[in-house]
Amino acid sequence: MAYQLWIKDEAKAEIGKLPGYMRAQVRRTIESLRLEPRPYYSVEMTSPANVNAEVRRLKIEHWRVIYIVDEEWSEVGVLAVRKRPPYEYEDLPELLADLD
């Protein structure tokens, strides 16, 4: 079953700013989430109780893709693409608050 994929505008802008080789790799990886939203190299994150979706992250070299999987609607939503370090997931509550 294929999932619907959406990407927040902020995440699209972040992807556009990536170096060329990384931009292509991130785009391919995100597109692959349509068919496999939980690849073996993704990690489930702790999410607040008010979020009705599974919050996950992917590591691609020094970059992290933060996304959700919503089984009820068969959707995968990309919330952010961040460089780590220095990113420490401190804005995760704000990213999830936008989902309400």
N, C-alpha and C. Protein backbone atom coordinates (compact mmCIF):
# COMPACT_ATOMS: atom_id res chain seq x y z
N MET A 1 0.85 -1.18 0.00
CA MET A 1 0.00 0.00 0.00
C MET A 1 0.89 1.24 0.00
N ALA A 2 0.58 2.18 -0.84
CA ALA A 2 1.34 3.43 -0.90
C ALA A 2 0.68 4.47 0.00
N TYR A 3 1.49 5.21 0.70
CA TYR A 3 1.03 6.27 1.58
C TYR A 3 1.03 7.59 0.82
N GLN A 4 0.14 8.48 1.22
CA GLN A 4 0.17 9.85 0.71
C GLN A 4 1.35 10.55 1.38
N LEU A 5 2.05 11.36 0.64
CA LEU A 5 3.22 12.06 1.18
C LEU A 5 2.98 13.56 1.09
N TRP A 6 3.23 14.25 2.20
CA TRP A 6 3.20 15.71 2.19
C TRP A 6 4.43 16.22 2.91
N ILE A 7 4.87 17.40 2.50
CA ILE A 7 6.07 18.02 3.06
C ILE A 7 5.72 19.45 3.43
N LYS A 8 5.98 19.80 4.68
CA LYS A 8 5.73 21.18 5.11
C LYS A 8 6.56 22.15 4.28
N ASP A 9 6.03 23.33 4.05
CA ASP A 9 6.73 24.34 3.26
C ASP A 9 8.10 24.66 3.84
N GLU A 10 8.18 24.72 5.16
CA GLU A 10 9.47 24.99 5.83
C GLU A 10 10.49 23.90 5.49
N ALA A 11 10.04 22.65 5.49
CA ALA A 11 10.94 21.54 5.16
C ALA A 11 11.36 21.61 3.70
N LYS A 12 10.44 21.99 2.81
CA LYS A 12 10.79 22.15 1.39
C LYS A 12 11.89 23.19 1.23
N ALA A 13 11.76 24.29 1.97
CA ALA A 13 12.78 25.35 1.90
C ALA A 13 14.11 24.84 2.43
N GLU A 14 14.09 24.06 3.51
CA GLU A 14 15.32 23.50 4.07
C GLU A 14 15.99 22.56 3.08
N ILE A 15 15.20 21.75 2.40
CA ILE A 15 15.75 20.82 1.41
C ILE A 15 16.39 21.60 0.27
N GLY A 16 15.76 22.68 -0.14
CA GLY A 16 16.30 23.51 -1.22
C GLY A 16 17.64 24.14 -0.90
N LYS A 17 17.95 24.30 0.38
CA LYS A 17 19.21 24.91 0.81
C LYS A 17 20.34 23.89 1.00
N LEU A 18 20.03 22.62 0.91
CA LEU A 18 21.05 21.58 1.10
C LEU A 18 22.05 21.59 -0.06
N PRO A 19 23.28 21.11 0.19
CA PRO A 19 24.22 20.93 -0.91
C PRO A 19 23.62 19.97 -1.95
N GLY A 20 23.97 20.14 -3.21
CA GLY A 20 23.36 19.39 -4.30
C GLY A 20 23.30 17.89 -4.11
N TYR A 21 24.43 17.25 -3.76
CA TYR A 21 24.43 15.80 -3.60
C TYR A 21 23.52 15.36 -2.45
N MET A 22 23.49 16.16 -1.38
CA MET A 22 22.66 15.82 -0.22
C MET A 22 21.19 16.07 -0.53
N ARG A 23 20.91 17.13 -1.26
CA ARG A 23 19.52 17.44 -1.64
C ARG A 23 18.92 16.26 -2.41
N ALA A 24 19.65 15.73 -3.36
CA ALA A 24 19.16 14.59 -4.15
C ALA A 24 18.95 13.36 -3.28
N GLN A 25 19.88 13.10 -2.39
CA GLN A 25 19.76 11.93 -1.51
C GLN A 25 18.56 12.07 -0.56
N VAL A 26 18.38 13.26 0.00
CA VAL A 26 17.24 13.49 0.92
C VAL A 26 15.93 13.35 0.15
N ARG A 27 15.86 13.90 -1.04
CA ARG A 27 14.62 13.79 -1.83
C ARG A 27 14.30 12.33 -2.16
N ARG A 28 15.29 11.56 -2.55
CA ARG A 28 15.07 10.13 -2.84
C ARG A 28 14.59 9.39 -1.60
N THR A 29 15.23 9.68 -0.48
CA THR A 29 14.86 9.01 0.77
C THR A 29 13.44 9.36 1.18
N ILE A 30 13.09 10.63 1.08
CA ILE A 30 11.73 11.06 1.44
C ILE A 30 10.71 10.39 0.51
N GLU A 31 11.00 10.37 -0.76
CA GLU A 31 10.08 9.74 -1.72
C GLU A 31 9.89 8.25 -1.41
N SER A 32 10.94 7.59 -0.94
CA SER A 32 10.83 6.16 -0.62
C SER A 32 9.91 5.89 0.57
N LEU A 33 9.64 6.93 1.38
CA LEU A 33 8.75 6.76 2.54
C LEU A 33 7.31 6.45 2.11
N ARG A 34 6.96 6.76 0.87
CA ARG A 34 5.62 6.42 0.37
C ARG A 34 5.35 4.92 0.46
N LEU A 35 6.36 4.13 0.12
CA LEU A 35 6.19 2.68 0.11
C LEU A 35 6.64 2.01 1.39
N GLU A 36 7.61 2.61 2.08
CA GLU A 36 8.12 2.05 3.33
C GLU A 36 8.31 3.18 4.33
N PRO A 37 7.26 3.50 5.11
CA PRO A 37 7.36 4.63 6.04
C PRO A 37 8.22 4.37 7.27
N ARG A 38 8.57 3.11 7.49
CA ARG A 38 9.40 2.75 8.65
C ARG A 38 10.61 1.94 8.22
N PRO A 39 11.52 2.55 7.45
CA PRO A 39 12.70 1.79 7.04
C PRO A 39 13.52 1.40 8.27
N TYR A 40 14.33 0.38 8.12
CA TYR A 40 15.10 -0.15 9.26
C TYR A 40 16.01 0.90 9.90
N TYR A 41 16.42 1.90 9.15
CA TYR A 41 17.34 2.92 9.68
C TYR A 41 16.61 4.13 10.26
N SER A 42 15.29 4.06 10.36
CA SER A 42 14.55 5.14 11.01
C SER A 42 14.36 4.79 12.49
N VAL A 43 14.10 5.83 13.29
CA VAL A 43 13.95 5.65 14.73
C VAL A 43 12.65 6.31 15.16
N GLU A 44 11.87 5.58 15.95
CA GLU A 44 10.65 6.17 16.51
C GLU A 44 11.04 7.10 17.65
N MET A 45 10.40 8.27 17.68
CA MET A 45 10.68 9.26 18.71
C MET A 45 9.51 9.32 19.68
N THR A 46 9.76 9.81 20.87
CA THR A 46 8.71 10.02 21.85
C THR A 46 7.91 11.24 21.43
N SER A 47 6.60 11.09 21.42
CA SER A 47 5.75 12.22 21.04
C SER A 47 4.71 12.48 22.12
N PRO A 48 4.21 13.71 22.19
CA PRO A 48 3.18 14.04 23.18
C PRO A 48 1.92 13.20 22.96
N ALA A 49 1.15 13.05 24.01
CA ALA A 49 -0.06 12.23 23.96
C ALA A 49 -1.10 12.79 23.00
N ASN A 50 -1.07 14.10 22.75
CA ASN A 50 -2.09 14.71 21.89
C ASN A 50 -1.81 14.52 20.40
N VAL A 51 -0.72 13.87 20.04
CA VAL A 51 -0.38 13.63 18.64
C VAL A 51 -0.85 12.23 18.27
N ASN A 52 -1.73 12.15 17.28
CA ASN A 52 -2.30 10.87 16.87
C ASN A 52 -1.53 10.24 15.72
N ALA A 53 -0.24 10.47 15.70
CA ALA A 53 0.60 9.89 14.64
C ALA A 53 1.93 9.48 15.26
N GLU A 54 2.60 8.61 14.58
CA GLU A 54 3.91 8.13 15.02
C GLU A 54 4.98 9.11 14.53
N VAL A 55 5.80 9.61 15.43
CA VAL A 55 6.86 10.54 15.08
C VAL A 55 8.15 9.75 14.91
N ARG A 56 8.82 9.98 13.78
CA ARG A 56 10.04 9.24 13.47
C ARG A 56 11.11 10.18 12.95
N ARG A 57 12.35 9.68 12.92
CA ARG A 57 13.44 10.45 12.34
C ARG A 57 14.34 9.52 11.55
N LEU A 58 14.95 10.11 10.53
CA LEU A 58 15.93 9.42 9.70
C LEU A 58 17.25 10.14 9.80
N LYS A 59 18.31 9.40 9.76
CA LYS A 59 19.65 9.99 9.75
C LYS A 59 20.23 9.78 8.35
N ILE A 60 20.62 10.89 7.74
CA ILE A 60 21.29 10.84 6.44
C ILE A 60 22.55 11.69 6.59
N GLU A 61 23.67 11.03 6.82
CA GLU A 61 24.94 11.67 7.16
C GLU A 61 24.72 12.60 8.35
N HIS A 62 24.98 13.91 8.21
CA HIS A 62 24.81 14.83 9.34
C HIS A 62 23.42 15.44 9.39
N TRP A 63 22.52 14.98 8.56
CA TRP A 63 21.18 15.57 8.47
C TRP A 63 20.15 14.63 9.07
N ARG A 64 19.10 15.23 9.63
CA ARG A 64 17.98 14.47 10.19
C ARG A 64 16.69 14.89 9.50
N VAL A 65 15.89 13.92 9.13
CA VAL A 65 14.57 14.16 8.57
C VAL A 65 13.57 13.76 9.65
N ILE A 66 12.79 14.72 10.11
CA ILE A 66 11.78 14.46 11.14
C ILE A 66 10.44 14.37 10.43
N TYR A 67 9.73 13.26 10.67
CA TYR A 67 8.47 13.05 9.95
C TYR A 67 7.48 12.28 10.81
N ILE A 68 6.25 12.24 10.35
CA ILE A 68 5.20 11.49 11.05
C ILE A 68 4.61 10.44 10.11
N VAL A 69 4.08 9.39 10.73
CA VAL A 69 3.35 8.36 10.00
C VAL A 69 1.97 8.30 10.63
N ASP A 70 0.95 8.54 9.82
CA ASP A 70 -0.44 8.50 10.29
C ASP A 70 -1.14 7.33 9.61
N GLU A 71 -1.31 6.25 10.35
CA GLU A 71 -1.92 5.04 9.80
C GLU A 71 -3.40 5.26 9.47
N GLU A 72 -4.09 6.03 10.28
CA GLU A 72 -5.52 6.26 10.07
C GLU A 72 -5.78 6.86 8.68
N TRP A 73 -4.95 7.78 8.27
CA TRP A 73 -5.13 8.46 6.99
C TRP A 73 -4.15 7.96 5.93
N SER A 74 -3.33 6.98 6.26
CA SER A 74 -2.30 6.45 5.34
C SER A 74 -1.45 7.57 4.77
N GLU A 75 -0.92 8.39 5.68
CA GLU A 75 -0.11 9.55 5.30
C GLU A 75 1.26 9.50 5.95
N VAL A 76 2.22 10.07 5.23
CA VAL A 76 3.54 10.35 5.77
C VAL A 76 3.76 11.84 5.56
N GLY A 77 4.10 12.55 6.64
CA GLY A 77 4.32 13.98 6.55
C GLY A 77 5.71 14.37 7.03
N VAL A 78 6.44 15.06 6.19
CA VAL A 78 7.79 15.51 6.56
C VAL A 78 7.67 16.87 7.23
N LEU A 79 8.15 16.95 8.47
CA LEU A 79 8.04 18.17 9.26
C LEU A 79 9.25 19.07 9.14
N ALA A 80 10.45 18.47 9.09
CA ALA A 80 11.66 19.29 9.09
C ALA A 80 12.86 18.48 8.61
N VAL A 81 13.85 19.20 8.13
CA VAL A 81 15.16 18.63 7.79
C VAL A 81 16.17 19.52 8.50
N ARG A 82 16.96 18.93 9.39
CA ARG A 82 17.87 19.72 10.23
C ARG A 82 19.27 19.10 10.22
N LYS A 83 20.27 19.95 10.41
CA LYS A 83 21.65 19.47 10.51
C LYS A 83 21.97 19.20 11.97
N ARG A 84 22.60 18.05 12.20
CA ARG A 84 22.97 17.68 13.56
C ARG A 84 24.42 17.27 13.57
N PRO A 85 25.26 17.77 14.44
CA PRO A 85 24.95 18.85 15.36
C PRO A 85 24.85 20.17 14.61
N PRO A 86 24.26 21.14 15.12
CA PRO A 86 23.91 21.43 16.51
C PRO A 86 22.48 21.05 16.88
N TYR A 87 21.67 20.61 15.93
CA TYR A 87 20.25 20.37 16.21
C TYR A 87 20.07 19.27 17.26
N GLU A 88 19.22 19.55 18.25
CA GLU A 88 18.97 18.61 19.35
C GLU A 88 17.47 18.33 19.54
N TYR A 89 16.64 18.55 18.52
CA TYR A 89 15.20 18.26 18.56
C TYR A 89 14.44 19.16 19.53
N GLU A 90 15.02 20.30 19.88
CA GLU A 90 14.37 21.20 20.84
C GLU A 90 13.09 21.81 20.30
N ASP A 91 12.92 21.90 18.98
CA ASP A 91 11.71 22.49 18.41
C ASP A 91 10.65 21.45 18.07
N LEU A 92 10.83 20.21 18.48
CA LEU A 92 9.86 19.17 18.18
C LEU A 92 8.44 19.51 18.66
N PRO A 93 8.27 20.04 19.87
CA PRO A 93 6.90 20.40 20.29
C PRO A 93 6.25 21.42 19.35
N GLU A 94 7.02 22.39 18.88
CA GLU A 94 6.47 23.38 17.95
C GLU A 94 6.12 22.76 16.60
N LEU A 95 6.97 21.85 16.13
CA LEU A 95 6.69 21.18 14.87
C LEU A 95 5.40 20.36 14.97
N LEU A 96 5.20 19.73 16.09
CA LEU A 96 4.00 18.90 16.27
C LEU A 96 2.77 19.73 16.57
N ALA A 97 2.95 20.91 17.18
CA ALA A 97 1.81 21.78 17.49
C ALA A 97 1.12 22.25 16.23
N ASP A 98 1.87 22.38 15.15
CA ASP A 98 1.29 22.82 13.88
C ASP A 98 0.36 21.78 13.28
N LEU A 99 0.37 20.57 13.78
CA LEU A 99 -0.45 19.51 13.21
C LEU A 99 -1.90 19.58 13.67
N ASP A 100 -2.17 20.28 14.72
CA ASP A 100 -3.56 20.35 15.24
C ASP A 100 -4.51 20.99 14.28
